[in-house]
């Protein structure tokens, strides 16, 4: 009994630590997910072919475009995706790859910019940061960018092994942004341990269409063998947009049993301006 209690306390402490650290940092996914990041665009001098730094005197000198992020991010690995299987924490610098792109960035060197594209993990000598961003678009950061309204949503998972009577702590499956004022955000992710599809949806409800601030936010979660609209399932939650007091988030969860394992999946969305440390 004492051992079980100790194990349970350990699980709860690990879960709390993971939740606390995740609140302070964004978690992103590798390609094909499209991400939007902002920061300063700089050129860094690197050693290129033929030896990529092993023989600096004979190596080519390359000017590599790098995005210096304002806030650190982490990138979640996908175990079934080769070089993108590795999770990287605390990323502050991301090399930009203009693969097959006609986008011009020279006039933006030293400026604050907004970049969209897909992330992949470094896997050749030409990759100089752990995570590289294949650029779809890049532009100077517009005025008022930091005041945009949107919420971050995260999907956490945990397991309870019935036969062994043992549970795993919360782990992050995915994070995504749900912009305010746009169409409903709908996302689907594969649950690696069960093979099922986790569907999430976020929608803002307005009493008067011309109002900038929505009256309510609605979130929904479903688990299925295929992708589906989570709003078509009954498991959903609705709350007013002034929901910061309850841990700063709106929360809904779903449980499913596969074999001898009970999987718990939770979706929570929070205002990115909420003061988590207070």
C-alpha atoms as a PDB file:
ATOM      1  CA  UNK A   1       0.000   0.000   0.000  1.00  0.00           C
ATOM      2  CA  UNK A   2       2.808   2.365   0.907  1.00  0.00           C
ATOM      3  CA  UNK A   3       4.573   1.586  -2.378  1.00  0.00           C
ATOM      4  CA  UNK A   4       1.385   2.276  -4.381  1.00  0.00           C
ATOM      5  CA  UNK A   5       0.869   5.577  -2.558  1.00  0.00           C
ATOM      6  CA  UNK A   6       4.465   6.606  -3.254  1.00  0.00           C
ATOM      7  CA  UNK A   7       4.068   5.712  -6.926  1.00  0.00           C
ATOM      8  CA  UNK A   8       0.846   7.736  -7.176  1.00  0.00           C
ATOM      9  CA  UNK A   9       2.437  10.774  -5.540  1.00  0.00           C
ATOM     10  CA  UNK A  10       5.400  10.520  -7.934  1.00  0.00           C
ATOM     11  CA  UNK A  11       3.068  10.381 -10.944  1.00  0.00           C
ATOM     12  CA  UNK A  12       1.162  13.431  -9.740  1.00  0.00           C
ATOM     13  CA  UNK A  13       4.361  15.389  -9.120  1.00  0.00           C
ATOM     14  CA  UNK A  14       5.701  14.544 -12.572  1.00  0.00           C
ATOM     15  CA  UNK A  15       2.370  15.506 -14.159  1.00  0.00           C
ATOM     16  CA  UNK A  16       2.328  18.824 -12.301  1.00  0.00           C
ATOM     17  CA  UNK A  17       5.923  19.551 -13.323  1.00  0.00           C
ATOM     18  CA  UNK A  18       5.212  18.761 -16.971  1.00  0.00           C
ATOM     19  CA  UNK A  19       2.090  20.936 -16.947  1.00  0.00           C
ATOM     20  CA  UNK A  20       3.935  23.824 -15.297  1.00  0.00           C
ATOM     21  CA  UNK A  21       6.807  23.715 -17.773  1.00  0.00           C
ATOM     22  CA  UNK A  22       4.477  23.423 -20.753  1.00  0.00           C
ATOM     23  CA  UNK A  23       2.544  26.502 -19.666  1.00  0.00           C
ATOM     24  CA  UNK A  24       5.684  28.602 -19.970  1.00  0.00           C
ATOM     25  CA  UNK A  25       6.577  27.463 -23.449  1.00  0.00           C
ATOM     26  CA  UNK A  26       4.956  26.695 -26.784  1.00  0.00           C
ATOM     27  CA  UNK A  27       5.097  23.164 -28.141  1.00  0.00           C
ATOM     28  CA  UNK A  28       5.123  22.767 -31.910  1.00  0.00           C
ATOM     29  CA  UNK A  29       5.010  19.840 -34.349  1.00  0.00           C
ATOM     30  CA  UNK A  30       7.207  18.873 -37.270  1.00  0.00           C
ATOM     31  CA  UNK A  31       6.062  18.892 -40.904  1.00  0.00           C
ATOM     32  CA  UNK A  32       3.553  18.795 -42.478  1.00  0.00           C
ATOM     33  CA  UNK A  33       2.032  21.028 -39.753  1.00  0.00           C
ATOM     34  CA  UNK A  34       2.351  24.718 -40.737  1.00  0.00           C
ATOM     35  CA  UNK A  35       3.622  27.031 -38.010  1.00  0.00           C
ATOM     36  CA  UNK A  36       3.914  30.802 -37.678  1.00  0.00           C
ATOM     37  CA  UNK A  37       6.866  32.235 -35.763  1.00  0.00           C
ATOM     38  CA  UNK A  38       8.154  35.733 -35.158  1.00  0.00           C
ATOM     39  CA  UNK A  39      11.578  37.037 -34.237  1.00  0.00           C
ATOM     40  CA  UNK A  40      14.648  38.776 -35.636  1.00  0.00           C
ATOM     41  CA  UNK A  41      16.136  37.627 -38.933  1.00  0.00           C
ATOM     42  CA  UNK A  42      19.956  37.540 -38.879  1.00  0.00           C
ATOM     43  CA  UNK A  43      22.774  36.073 -40.962  1.00  0.00           C
ATOM     44  CA  UNK A  44      25.243  33.814 -39.158  1.00  0.00           C
ATOM     45  CA  UNK A  45      28.655  32.897 -40.589  1.00  0.00           C
ATOM     46  CA  UNK A  46      29.100  29.090 -40.714  1.00  0.00           C
ATOM     47  CA  UNK A  47      31.703  26.685 -42.088  1.00  0.00           C
ATOM     48  CA  UNK A  48      30.397  24.764 -45.088  1.00  0.00           C
ATOM     49  CA  UNK A  49      31.734  22.175 -47.537  1.00  0.00           C
ATOM     50  CA  UNK A  50      33.810  20.170 -47.786  1.00  0.00           C
ATOM     51  CA  UNK A  51      34.371  19.522 -44.073  1.00  0.00           C
ATOM     52  CA  UNK A  52      31.743  21.672 -42.308  1.00  0.00           C
ATOM     53  CA  UNK A  53      34.036  23.038 -39.623  1.00  0.00           C
ATOM     54  CA  UNK A  54      36.597  20.254 -39.292  1.00  0.00           C
ATOM     55  CA  UNK A  55      39.019  22.149 -41.558  1.00  0.00           C
ATOM     56  CA  UNK A  56      38.033  25.833 -41.153  1.00  0.00           C
ATOM     57  CA  UNK A  57      40.845  27.083 -43.381  1.00  0.00           C
ATOM     58  CA  UNK A  58      39.617  25.164 -46.425  1.00  0.00           C
ATOM     59  CA  UNK A  59      35.875  25.097 -45.726  1.00  0.00           C
ATOM     60  CA  UNK A  60      33.537  27.444 -47.540  1.00  0.00           C
ATOM     61  CA  UNK A  61      32.172  30.336 -45.492  1.00  0.00           C
ATOM     62  CA  UNK A  62      28.388  30.388 -45.596  1.00  0.00           C
ATOM     63  CA  UNK A  63      26.002  33.137 -44.546  1.00  0.00           C
ATOM     64  CA  UNK A  64      23.066  31.254 -43.070  1.00  0.00           C
ATOM     65  CA  UNK A  65      19.684  32.960 -42.426  1.00  0.00           C
ATOM     66  CA  UNK A  66      18.566  32.293 -38.855  1.00  0.00           C
ATOM     67  CA  UNK A  67      15.429  33.368 -37.002  1.00  0.00           C
ATOM     68  CA  UNK A  68      16.106  34.470 -33.410  1.00  0.00           C
ATOM     69  CA  UNK A  69      12.840  33.747 -31.623  1.00  0.00           C
ATOM     70  CA  UNK A  70      11.439  36.145 -29.084  1.00  0.00           C
ATOM     71  CA  UNK A  71      10.269  33.214 -26.919  1.00  0.00           C
ATOM     72  CA  UNK A  72      11.686  29.724 -26.739  1.00  0.00           C
ATOM     73  CA  UNK A  73       9.697  26.846 -28.188  1.00  0.00           C
ATOM     74  CA  UNK A  74       9.893  23.065 -28.080  1.00  0.00           C
ATOM     75  CA  UNK A  75       9.249  20.735 -31.008  1.00  0.00           C
ATOM     76  CA  UNK A  76       7.604  17.362 -30.461  1.00  0.00           C
ATOM     77  CA  UNK A  77       9.115  14.347 -32.174  1.00  0.00           C
ATOM     78  CA  UNK A  78       7.104  11.768 -34.089  1.00  0.00           C
ATOM     79  CA  UNK A  79       8.500   8.304 -33.315  1.00  0.00           C
ATOM     80  CA  UNK A  80       7.500   6.944 -36.701  1.00  0.00           C
ATOM     81  CA  UNK A  81       8.997   9.750 -38.781  1.00  0.00           C
ATOM     82  CA  UNK A  82      12.727   9.115 -39.213  1.00  0.00           C
ATOM     83  CA  UNK A  83      14.846  12.175 -38.490  1.00  0.00           C
ATOM     84  CA  UNK A  84      11.761  13.985 -37.156  1.00  0.00           C
ATOM     85  CA  UNK A  85      11.469  11.492 -34.298  1.00  0.00           C
ATOM     86  CA  UNK A  86      13.562  13.561 -31.886  1.00  0.00           C
ATOM     87  CA  UNK A  87      11.928  16.032 -29.497  1.00  0.00           C
ATOM     88  CA  UNK A  88      13.895  19.256 -29.026  1.00  0.00           C
ATOM     89  CA  UNK A  89      13.348  21.528 -26.030  1.00  0.00           C
ATOM     90  CA  UNK A  90      14.129  25.208 -25.504  1.00  0.00           C
ATOM     91  CA  UNK A  91      14.701  26.188 -29.141  1.00  0.00           C
ATOM     92  CA  UNK A  92      15.712  29.825 -29.523  1.00  0.00           C
ATOM     93  CA  UNK A  93      17.382  29.825 -32.961  1.00  0.00           C
ATOM     94  CA  UNK A  94      15.961  28.255 -36.126  1.00  0.00           C
ATOM     95  CA  UNK A  95      17.728  28.123 -39.466  1.00  0.00           C
ATOM     96  CA  UNK A  96      15.526  29.181 -42.391  1.00  0.00           C
ATOM     97  CA  UNK A  97      15.530  27.060 -45.528  1.00  0.00           C
ATOM     98  CA  UNK A  98      14.216  28.715 -48.697  1.00  0.00           C
ATOM     99  CA  UNK A  99      13.748  25.412 -50.542  1.00  0.00           C
ATOM    100  CA  UNK A 100      12.216  26.031 -53.963  1.00  0.00           C
ATOM    101  CA  UNK A 101      10.968  29.393 -52.733  1.00  0.00           C
ATOM    102  CA  UNK A 102      11.231  32.666 -54.634  1.00  0.00           C
ATOM    103  CA  UNK A 103      10.723  34.622 -51.423  1.00  0.00           C
ATOM    104  CA  UNK A 104      13.255  37.419 -50.996  1.00  0.00           C
ATOM    105  CA  UNK A 105      14.581  37.998 -47.501  1.00  0.00           C
ATOM    106  CA  UNK A 106      17.725  40.117 -48.023  1.00  0.00           C
ATOM    107  CA  UNK A 107      15.907  43.391 -47.318  1.00  0.00           C
ATOM    108  CA  UNK A 108      14.652  41.931 -44.021  1.00  0.00           C
ATOM    109  CA  UNK A 109      18.046  41.100 -42.479  1.00  0.00           C
ATOM    110  CA  UNK A 110      18.226  42.571 -38.975  1.00  0.00           C
ATOM    111  CA  UNK A 111      14.465  43.239 -38.913  1.00  0.00           C
ATOM    112  CA  UNK A 112      11.666  41.774 -36.829  1.00  0.00           C
ATOM    113  CA  UNK A 113       9.775  39.380 -39.100  1.00  0.00           C
ATOM    114  CA  UNK A 114       6.931  36.861 -39.192  1.00  0.00           C
ATOM    115  CA  UNK A 115       7.680  33.543 -40.912  1.00  0.00           C
ATOM    116  CA  UNK A 116       5.332  30.703 -41.859  1.00  0.00           C
ATOM    117  CA  UNK A 117       6.400  27.244 -42.933  1.00  0.00           C
ATOM    118  CA  UNK A 118       7.020  23.705 -41.720  1.00  0.00           C
ATOM    119  CA  UNK A 119       9.665  22.421 -39.318  1.00  0.00           C
ATOM    120  CA  UNK A 120      12.032  19.495 -39.738  1.00  0.00           C
ATOM    121  CA  UNK A 121      14.942  18.184 -37.685  1.00  0.00           C
ATOM    122  CA  UNK A 122      18.506  18.762 -38.873  1.00  0.00           C
ATOM    123  CA  UNK A 123      19.884  15.756 -40.754  1.00  0.00           C
ATOM    124  CA  UNK A 124      22.674  16.985 -43.086  1.00  0.00           C
ATOM    125  CA  UNK A 125      25.835  19.047 -42.742  1.00  0.00           C
ATOM    126  CA  UNK A 126      24.005  21.980 -44.305  1.00  0.00           C
ATOM    127  CA  UNK A 127      21.703  22.195 -41.274  1.00  0.00           C
ATOM    128  CA  UNK A 128      23.270  24.332 -38.546  1.00  0.00           C
ATOM    129  CA  UNK A 129      20.499  24.416 -35.934  1.00  0.00           C
ATOM    130  CA  UNK A 130      18.726  21.429 -34.382  1.00  0.00           C
ATOM    131  CA  UNK A 131      15.443  22.484 -35.973  1.00  0.00           C
ATOM    132  CA  UNK A 132      15.100  23.986 -39.466  1.00  0.00           C
ATOM    133  CA  UNK A 133      12.119  25.866 -40.884  1.00  0.00           C
ATOM    134  CA  UNK A 134      11.204  25.392 -44.548  1.00  0.00           C
ATOM    135  CA  UNK A 135       9.852  28.825 -45.445  1.00  0.00           C
ATOM    136  CA  UNK A 136       6.503  29.360 -47.104  1.00  0.00           C
ATOM    137  CA  UNK A 137       6.393  33.117 -46.505  1.00  0.00           C
ATOM    138  CA  UNK A 138       8.311  35.818 -44.674  1.00  0.00           C
ATOM    139  CA  UNK A 139       7.362  39.432 -44.051  1.00  0.00           C
ATOM    140  CA  UNK A 140       8.234  42.313 -41.795  1.00  0.00           C
ATOM    141  CA  UNK A 141       6.418  42.045 -38.477  1.00  0.00           C
ATOM    142  CA  UNK A 142       3.358  44.322 -38.730  1.00  0.00           C
ATOM    143  CA  UNK A 143       2.368  46.843 -36.063  1.00  0.00           C
ATOM    144  CA  UNK A 144      -0.040  45.362 -33.559  1.00  0.00           C
ATOM    145  CA  UNK A 145       1.093  41.784 -34.233  1.00  0.00           C
ATOM    146  CA  UNK A 146       1.702  41.058 -30.541  1.00  0.00           C
ATOM    147  CA  UNK A 147      -1.791  42.269 -29.647  1.00  0.00           C
ATOM    148  CA  UNK A 148      -3.576  39.703 -31.823  1.00  0.00           C
ATOM    149  CA  UNK A 149      -6.154  37.647 -30.010  1.00  0.00           C
ATOM    150  CA  UNK A 150      -5.854  33.896 -30.039  1.00  0.00           C
ATOM    151  CA  UNK A 151      -5.755  31.048 -27.592  1.00  0.00           C
ATOM    152  CA  UNK A 152      -3.297  28.205 -27.247  1.00  0.00           C
ATOM    153  CA  UNK A 153      -4.818  24.732 -27.020  1.00  0.00           C
ATOM    154  CA  UNK A 154      -3.029  21.631 -25.831  1.00  0.00           C
ATOM    155  CA  UNK A 155      -3.885  17.950 -25.932  1.00  0.00           C
ATOM    156  CA  UNK A 156      -2.482  15.842 -23.095  1.00  0.00           C
ATOM    157  CA  UNK A 157      -2.618  12.061 -22.753  1.00  0.00           C
ATOM    158  CA  UNK A 158      -2.115   9.554 -19.954  1.00  0.00           C
ATOM    159  CA  UNK A 159      -2.627   5.811 -19.543  1.00  0.00           C
ATOM    160  CA  UNK A 160      -3.884   3.496 -16.818  1.00  0.00           C
ATOM    161  CA  UNK A 161      -2.731  -0.118 -17.163  1.00  0.00           C
ATOM    162  CA  UNK A 162      -5.530  -2.095 -15.540  1.00  0.00           C
ATOM    163  CA  UNK A 163      -3.802  -5.430 -15.045  1.00  0.00           C
ATOM    164  CA  UNK A 164      -0.655  -3.940 -13.482  1.00  0.00           C
ATOM    165  CA  UNK A 165      -2.706  -1.201 -11.785  1.00  0.00           C
ATOM    166  CA  UNK A 166      -0.176   1.344 -12.907  1.00  0.00           C
ATOM    167  CA  UNK A 167      -0.638   4.768 -14.468  1.00  0.00           C
ATOM    168  CA  UNK A 168       1.601   6.972 -16.605  1.00  0.00           C
ATOM    169  CA  UNK A 169       1.906  10.707 -16.083  1.00  0.00           C
ATOM    170  CA  UNK A 170       0.512  13.285 -18.493  1.00  0.00           C
ATOM    171  CA  UNK A 171       2.379  13.715 -21.755  1.00  0.00           C
ATOM    172  CA  UNK A 172       1.793  16.322 -24.435  1.00  0.00           C
ATOM    173  CA  UNK A 173       0.371  15.036 -27.706  1.00  0.00           C
ATOM    174  CA  UNK A 174       0.046  18.348 -29.545  1.00  0.00           C
ATOM    175  CA  UNK A 175      -0.391  22.111 -29.270  1.00  0.00           C
ATOM    176  CA  UNK A 176      -2.125  24.436 -31.718  1.00  0.00           C
ATOM    177  CA  UNK A 177      -3.309  28.037 -31.931  1.00  0.00           C
ATOM    178  CA  UNK A 178      -6.982  28.951 -32.248  1.00  0.00           C
ATOM    179  CA  UNK A 179      -7.227  32.490 -33.690  1.00  0.00           C
ATOM    180  CA  UNK A 180     -10.098  34.653 -32.487  1.00  0.00           C
ATOM    181  CA  UNK A 181     -12.429  36.015 -35.136  1.00  0.00           C
ATOM    182  CA  UNK A 182     -11.770  33.315 -37.711  1.00  0.00           C
ATOM    183  CA  UNK A 183     -13.625  30.153 -38.662  1.00  0.00           C
ATOM    184  CA  UNK A 184     -13.704  27.258 -36.229  1.00  0.00           C
ATOM    185  CA  UNK A 185     -10.304  25.633 -35.687  1.00  0.00           C
ATOM    186  CA  UNK A 186     -10.406  21.872 -36.246  1.00  0.00           C
ATOM    187  CA  UNK A 187      -7.419  19.587 -35.746  1.00  0.00           C
ATOM    188  CA  UNK A 188      -6.791  15.848 -35.847  1.00  0.00           C
ATOM    189  CA  UNK A 189      -3.796  13.989 -34.406  1.00  0.00           C
ATOM    190  CA  UNK A 190      -2.819  10.326 -34.252  1.00  0.00           C
ATOM    191  CA  UNK A 191      -2.532   8.916 -30.735  1.00  0.00           C
ATOM    192  CA  UNK A 192       0.783   6.984 -30.833  1.00  0.00           C
ATOM    193  CA  UNK A 193      -0.063   4.425 -28.125  1.00  0.00           C
ATOM    194  CA  UNK A 194      -3.558   3.431 -29.240  1.00  0.00           C
ATOM    195  CA  UNK A 195      -3.379   4.165 -32.975  1.00  0.00           C
ATOM    196  CA  UNK A 196      -6.650   6.101 -32.744  1.00  0.00           C
ATOM    197  CA  UNK A 197      -7.323   9.614 -34.044  1.00  0.00           C
ATOM    198  CA  UNK A 198      -7.813  12.439 -31.540  1.00  0.00           C
ATOM    199  CA  UNK A 199     -10.045  15.190 -32.941  1.00  0.00           C
ATOM    200  CA  UNK A 200     -10.210  18.655 -31.403  1.00  0.00           C
ATOM    201  CA  UNK A 201     -12.270  21.718 -32.283  1.00  0.00           C
ATOM    202  CA  UNK A 202     -12.463  25.306 -31.045  1.00  0.00           C
ATOM    203  CA  UNK A 203     -15.101  27.888 -31.962  1.00  0.00           C
ATOM    204  CA  UNK A 204     -15.845  31.427 -30.826  1.00  0.00           C
ATOM    205  CA  UNK A 205     -19.458  32.500 -30.405  1.00  0.00           C
ATOM    206  CA  UNK A 206     -20.509  36.121 -30.916  1.00  0.00           C
ATOM    207  CA  UNK A 207     -23.695  37.752 -29.688  1.00  0.00           C
ATOM    208  CA  UNK A 208     -23.182  40.575 -32.178  1.00  0.00           C
ATOM    209  CA  UNK A 209     -21.087  39.800 -35.284  1.00  0.00           C
ATOM    210  CA  UNK A 210     -19.540  43.260 -35.362  1.00  0.00           C
ATOM    211  CA  UNK A 211     -18.065  42.871 -31.871  1.00  0.00           C
ATOM    212  CA  UNK A 212     -14.360  42.041 -31.801  1.00  0.00           C
ATOM    213  CA  UNK A 213     -14.494  40.114 -28.521  1.00  0.00           C
ATOM    214  CA  UNK A 214     -16.497  36.863 -28.620  1.00  0.00           C
ATOM    215  CA  UNK A 215     -19.202  36.134 -26.079  1.00  0.00           C
ATOM    216  CA  UNK A 216     -18.237  32.493 -25.559  1.00  0.00           C
ATOM    217  CA  UNK A 217     -15.666  29.930 -26.528  1.00  0.00           C
ATOM    218  CA  UNK A 218     -16.681  26.351 -27.312  1.00  0.00           C
ATOM    219  CA  UNK A 219     -14.255  23.440 -27.381  1.00  0.00           C
ATOM    220  CA  UNK A 220     -14.864  19.809 -28.255  1.00  0.00           C
ATOM    221  CA  UNK A 221     -12.919  16.558 -28.178  1.00  0.00           C
ATOM    222  CA  UNK A 222     -13.497  13.129 -29.724  1.00  0.00           C
ATOM    223  CA  UNK A 223     -11.543   9.911 -30.278  1.00  0.00           C
ATOM    224  CA  UNK A 224     -12.228   7.819 -33.356  1.00  0.00           C
ATOM    225  CA  UNK A 225     -10.703   5.447 -35.888  1.00  0.00           C
ATOM    226  CA  UNK A 226     -10.951   8.192 -38.497  1.00  0.00           C
ATOM    227  CA  UNK A 227     -10.840  11.985 -38.625  1.00  0.00           C
ATOM    228  CA  UNK A 228     -14.165  13.609 -37.760  1.00  0.00           C
ATOM    229  CA  UNK A 229     -15.720  16.884 -36.662  1.00  0.00           C
ATOM    230  CA  UNK A 230     -15.473  16.875 -32.873  1.00  0.00           C
ATOM    231  CA  UNK A 231     -18.509  19.165 -32.670  1.00  0.00           C
ATOM    232  CA  UNK A 232     -20.643  16.300 -33.977  1.00  0.00           C
ATOM    233  CA  UNK A 233     -19.916  14.407 -30.748  1.00  0.00           C
ATOM    234  CA  UNK A 234     -21.613  15.195 -27.442  1.00  0.00           C
ATOM    235  CA  UNK A 235     -18.402  15.587 -25.427  1.00  0.00           C
ATOM    236  CA  UNK A 236     -17.897  19.329 -25.503  1.00  0.00           C
ATOM    237  CA  UNK A 237     -17.615  22.279 -23.162  1.00  0.00           C
ATOM    238  CA  UNK A 238     -18.773  25.874 -23.380  1.00  0.00           C
ATOM    239  CA  UNK A 239     -17.655  28.813 -21.271  1.00  0.00           C
ATOM    240  CA  UNK A 240     -17.603  32.591 -21.369  1.00  0.00           C
ATOM    241  CA  UNK A 241     -14.391  34.221 -22.523  1.00  0.00           C
ATOM    242  CA  UNK A 242     -13.648  35.510 -19.012  1.00  0.00           C
ATOM    243  CA  UNK A 243     -12.400  32.109 -17.864  1.00  0.00           C
ATOM    244  CA  UNK A 244      -8.953  32.934 -16.499  1.00  0.00           C
ATOM    245  CA  UNK A 245      -9.782  32.256 -12.837  1.00  0.00           C
ATOM    246  CA  UNK A 246     -10.181  28.471 -13.181  1.00  0.00           C
ATOM    247  CA  UNK A 247      -6.475  27.740 -13.806  1.00  0.00           C
ATOM    248  CA  UNK A 248      -6.749  30.098 -16.766  1.00  0.00           C
ATOM    249  CA  UNK A 249      -8.210  27.475 -19.057  1.00  0.00           C
ATOM    250  CA  UNK A 250     -11.261  25.754 -20.465  1.00  0.00           C
ATOM    251  CA  UNK A 251     -11.003  21.986 -20.178  1.00  0.00           C
ATOM    252  CA  UNK A 252     -12.668  18.840 -21.490  1.00  0.00           C
ATOM    253  CA  UNK A 253     -11.496  15.206 -21.448  1.00  0.00           C
ATOM    254  CA  UNK A 254     -12.326  11.862 -23.010  1.00  0.00           C
ATOM    255  CA  UNK A 255     -11.468   8.276 -22.008  1.00  0.00           C
ATOM    256  CA  UNK A 256     -11.223   5.203 -24.225  1.00  0.00           C
ATOM    257  CA  UNK A 257     -10.170   1.620 -23.461  1.00  0.00           C
ATOM    258  CA  UNK A 258      -7.993  -0.305 -25.928  1.00  0.00           C
ATOM    259  CA  UNK A 259      -7.175  -3.835 -24.798  1.00  0.00           C
ATOM    260  CA  UNK A 260      -6.140  -3.634 -21.150  1.00  0.00           C
ATOM    261  CA  UNK A 261      -5.192   0.046 -21.249  1.00  0.00           C
ATOM    262  CA  UNK A 262      -7.437   2.973 -20.385  1.00  0.00           C
ATOM    263  CA  UNK A 263      -6.342   6.068 -22.297  1.00  0.00           C
ATOM    264  CA  UNK A 264      -7.310   9.514 -21.018  1.00  0.00           C
ATOM    265  CA  UNK A 265      -7.109  12.414 -23.460  1.00  0.00           C
ATOM    266  CA  UNK A 266      -7.677  15.998 -22.353  1.00  0.00           C
ATOM    267  CA  UNK A 267      -8.004  19.198 -24.339  1.00  0.00           C
ATOM    268  CA  UNK A 268      -7.545  22.550 -22.672  1.00  0.00           C
ATOM    269  CA  UNK A 269      -7.393  26.017 -24.181  1.00  0.00           C
ATOM    270  CA  UNK A 270      -6.112  29.107 -22.437  1.00  0.00           C
ATOM    271  CA  UNK A 271      -5.720  32.782 -23.110  1.00  0.00           C
ATOM    272  CA  UNK A 272      -2.101  33.370 -24.090  1.00  0.00           C
ATOM    273  CA  UNK A 273      -2.091  36.553 -21.985  1.00  0.00           C
ATOM    274  CA  UNK A 274      -3.185  34.716 -18.810  1.00  0.00           C
ATOM    275  CA  UNK A 275      -0.767  35.168 -15.906  1.00  0.00           C
ATOM    276  CA  UNK A 276       0.100  31.553 -15.099  1.00  0.00           C
ATOM    277  CA  UNK A 277       2.719  32.406 -12.478  1.00  0.00           C
ATOM    278  CA  UNK A 278       0.356  34.320 -10.221  1.00  0.00           C
END
